[in-house]
Amino acid sequence: MCHHRLNSAVLVAVLAVTFVACASSRANHPSSARGTLVPGPLDAADAFLTALRDRDTVALRRVIHPAMRLTTASDANDGTALMLTGDEFVRVIGRAAGAPWRQRLLAPEVRLDGNLAAVWSPYRFDRGDKFDHCGVVALHLVRSRSEWRIIQLSDTHRSNACES
């Protein structure tokens, strides 16, 4: 069971890289519902993505809230949700290895209300040059002392019925 949980945790960590495309181009960042750019939450998302790409656990801890939770639902596990704490997630990222991750957000949206923000998007994930999976990802952030920190990351994971 422990080995299965670790493999599932690695899968979840890979899914979390969903936001890598955000870090690659600030010019393509989405607008909020009011049509204005929302730099604070996107800056936090960029820092998170950079830390994931670099597998930098120190930088990752700076952008996640101490109470962060990660939840994923995969077609491979009969839709059963897998959940990790922020600490578990950081440990998984620190141990990650293998082919480079390439993530593409297909239609990102940002929503903001006061000290709460969300980034939501369908995505496509490749390991190296090969398609691995797709789904939808939602990153929720909270602003505390003028800093945006990730409090929840939720995503779906499927291997077919994907957008290009």
Protein backbone atom coordinates (compact mmCIF):
# COMPACT_ATOMS: atom_id res chain seq x y z
CA MET A 1 0.00 0.00 0.00
CA CYS A 2 2.82 2.42 0.82
CA HIS A 3 4.47 1.75 -2.58
CA HIS A 4 1.12 2.35 -4.34
CA ARG A 5 0.67 5.61 -2.42
CA LEU A 6 4.15 6.80 -3.40
CA ASN A 7 3.51 5.99 -7.09
CA SER A 8 0.20 7.82 -6.86
CA ALA A 9 1.91 10.72 -5.14
CA VAL A 10 4.45 10.96 -7.97
CA LEU A 11 1.55 10.99 -10.44
CA VAL A 12 -0.06 13.82 -8.51
CA ALA A 13 3.20 15.76 -8.52
CA VAL A 14 3.42 15.39 -12.27
CA LEU A 15 -0.14 16.62 -12.59
CA ALA A 16 0.73 19.67 -10.57
CA VAL A 17 3.12 20.77 -13.26
CA THR A 18 -0.01 21.61 -15.17
CA PHE A 19 0.71 25.26 -14.76
CA VAL A 20 4.14 25.25 -16.42
CA ALA A 21 2.77 26.99 -19.50
CA CYS A 22 1.83 30.01 -17.38
CA ALA A 23 5.45 30.58 -16.44
CA SER A 24 6.62 30.48 -20.03
CA SER A 25 4.82 33.59 -21.30
CA ARG A 26 3.44 36.48 -19.25
CA ALA A 27 1.97 37.90 -22.48
CA ASN A 28 -0.49 35.02 -22.70
CA HIS A 29 -1.85 35.36 -19.18
CA PRO A 30 -5.62 35.44 -19.06
CA SER A 31 -7.77 38.25 -17.80
CA SER A 32 -10.17 38.23 -14.94
CA ALA A 33 -13.90 38.39 -15.51
CA ARG A 34 -13.62 42.21 -15.64
CA GLY A 35 -11.00 42.13 -18.41
CA THR A 36 -8.03 43.31 -16.35
CA LEU A 37 -4.76 41.46 -15.86
CA VAL A 38 -4.40 39.90 -12.40
CA PRO A 39 -0.62 39.95 -11.76
CA GLY A 40 -0.50 38.94 -8.07
CA PRO A 41 -2.05 35.47 -8.37
CA LEU A 42 -0.24 34.88 -11.67
CA ASP A 43 3.10 35.88 -10.15
CA ALA A 44 2.52 33.30 -7.41
CA ALA A 45 1.55 30.71 -10.03
CA ASP A 46 4.74 31.53 -11.97
CA ALA A 47 6.87 31.09 -8.84
CA PHE A 48 5.14 27.78 -8.14
CA LEU A 49 5.72 26.58 -11.73
CA THR A 50 9.35 27.60 -11.70
CA ALA A 51 9.88 25.73 -8.44
CA LEU A 52 8.16 22.64 -9.86
CA ARG A 53 10.15 22.73 -13.09
CA ASP A 54 13.40 23.15 -11.15
CA ARG A 55 12.26 20.70 -8.44
CA ASP A 56 13.23 23.42 -5.94
CA THR A 57 11.53 22.50 -2.67
CA VAL A 58 12.75 25.64 -0.85
CA ALA A 59 11.15 27.92 -3.45
CA LEU A 60 8.05 25.72 -3.49
CA ARG A 61 7.57 26.14 0.26
CA ARG A 62 7.76 29.93 -0.15
CA VAL A 63 4.71 30.00 -2.45
CA ILE A 64 2.46 27.37 -0.89
CA HIS A 65 0.34 28.01 2.18
CA PRO A 66 1.24 25.83 5.20
CA ALA A 67 -2.25 24.30 5.02
CA MET A 68 -2.07 23.56 1.27
CA ARG A 69 -3.94 20.50 -0.04
CA LEU A 70 -3.62 18.79 -3.40
CA THR A 71 -6.46 16.69 -4.81
CA THR A 72 -6.56 14.75 -8.06
CA ALA A 73 -9.17 12.51 -9.67
CA SER A 74 -7.80 10.07 -12.24
CA ASP A 75 -9.51 7.78 -14.71
CA ALA A 76 -6.82 5.23 -13.78
CA ASN A 77 -8.10 4.95 -10.18
CA ASP A 78 -11.81 4.60 -10.96
CA GLY A 79 -12.12 8.34 -10.30
CA THR A 80 -11.09 7.91 -6.68
CA ALA A 81 -9.63 11.17 -5.42
CA LEU A 82 -6.04 11.14 -4.24
CA MET A 83 -5.18 13.80 -1.68
CA LEU A 84 -1.86 15.08 -0.36
CA THR A 85 -0.87 17.69 2.16
CA GLY A 86 1.53 20.42 1.15
CA ASP A 87 4.36 18.68 3.01
CA GLU A 88 3.69 15.38 1.23
CA PHE A 89 3.57 17.19 -2.10
CA VAL A 90 6.89 18.97 -1.48
CA ARG A 91 8.56 15.65 -0.56
CA VAL A 92 7.28 14.07 -3.80
CA ILE A 93 8.62 16.96 -5.88
CA GLY A 94 12.00 16.70 -4.15
CA ARG A 95 12.26 13.03 -5.15
CA ALA A 96 10.93 13.41 -8.72
CA ALA A 97 13.08 12.26 -11.63
CA GLY A 98 12.69 11.12 -15.21
CA ALA A 99 11.88 12.64 -18.58
CA PRO A 100 11.36 16.41 -18.78
CA TRP A 101 7.80 17.60 -18.20
CA ARG A 102 6.05 19.73 -20.81
CA GLN A 103 2.68 21.14 -19.85
CA ARG A 104 0.35 23.23 -21.96
CA LEU A 105 -2.62 25.14 -20.58
CA LEU A 106 -5.27 25.20 -23.30
CA ALA A 107 -7.63 27.96 -22.13
CA PRO A 108 -6.60 29.46 -18.76
CA GLU A 109 -9.01 31.66 -16.80
CA VAL A 110 -8.34 33.77 -13.71
CA ARG A 111 -11.00 34.80 -11.20
CA LEU A 112 -10.39 37.21 -8.33
CA ASP A 113 -12.45 38.44 -5.40
CA GLY A 114 -10.63 40.32 -2.66
CA ASN A 115 -8.09 38.01 -1.05
CA LEU A 116 -9.14 34.89 -2.97
CA ALA A 117 -8.12 33.98 -6.52
CA ALA A 118 -8.45 30.95 -8.81
CA VAL A 119 -6.68 29.89 -11.98
CA TRP A 120 -8.57 27.23 -13.99
CA SER A 121 -7.68 25.57 -17.30
CA PRO A 122 -7.89 22.42 -19.39
CA TYR A 123 -4.35 21.14 -19.97
CA ARG A 124 -2.22 18.68 -21.94
CA PHE A 125 0.80 17.03 -20.32
CA ASP A 126 3.75 15.44 -22.15
CA ARG A 127 6.67 13.48 -20.69
CA GLY A 128 9.56 14.29 -22.92
CA ASP A 129 8.15 14.21 -26.45
CA LYS A 130 5.29 11.79 -25.67
CA PHE A 131 1.71 12.55 -24.70
CA ASP A 132 1.00 11.36 -21.16
CA HIS A 133 -2.35 12.76 -20.05
CA CYS A 134 -4.75 15.69 -20.01
CA GLY A 135 -7.44 17.11 -17.75
CA VAL A 136 -8.53 20.26 -16.00
CA VAL A 137 -6.62 21.99 -13.21
CA ALA A 138 -7.77 24.54 -10.64
CA LEU A 139 -5.27 26.42 -8.51
CA HIS A 140 -6.73 28.37 -5.58
CA LEU A 141 -4.74 31.14 -3.92
CA VAL A 142 -5.22 33.27 -0.83
CA ARG A 143 -3.61 36.65 -0.17
CA SER A 144 -2.08 37.10 3.26
CA ARG A 145 0.11 40.06 4.22
CA SER A 146 0.18 41.17 0.55
CA GLU A 147 1.49 37.79 -0.65
CA TRP A 148 -0.46 35.30 -2.76
CA ARG A 149 0.00 31.68 -1.63
CA ILE A 150 -1.45 28.47 -3.01
CA ILE A 151 -3.96 26.92 -0.63
CA GLN A 152 -5.47 24.24 -2.91
CA LEU A 153 -4.55 22.54 -6.17
CA SER A 154 -7.17 20.26 -7.72
CA ASP A 155 -7.07 18.48 -11.05
CA THR A 156 -8.47 15.72 -13.17
CA HIS A 157 -6.33 13.24 -15.06
CA ARG A 158 -7.33 11.21 -18.09
CA SER A 159 -5.53 9.51 -20.93
CA ASN A 160 -8.13 10.02 -23.68
CA ALA A 161 -10.84 12.45 -24.82
CA CYS A 162 -8.31 15.26 -24.76
CA GLU A 163 -8.27 18.61 -26.54
CA SER A 164 -5.25 19.41 -28.70
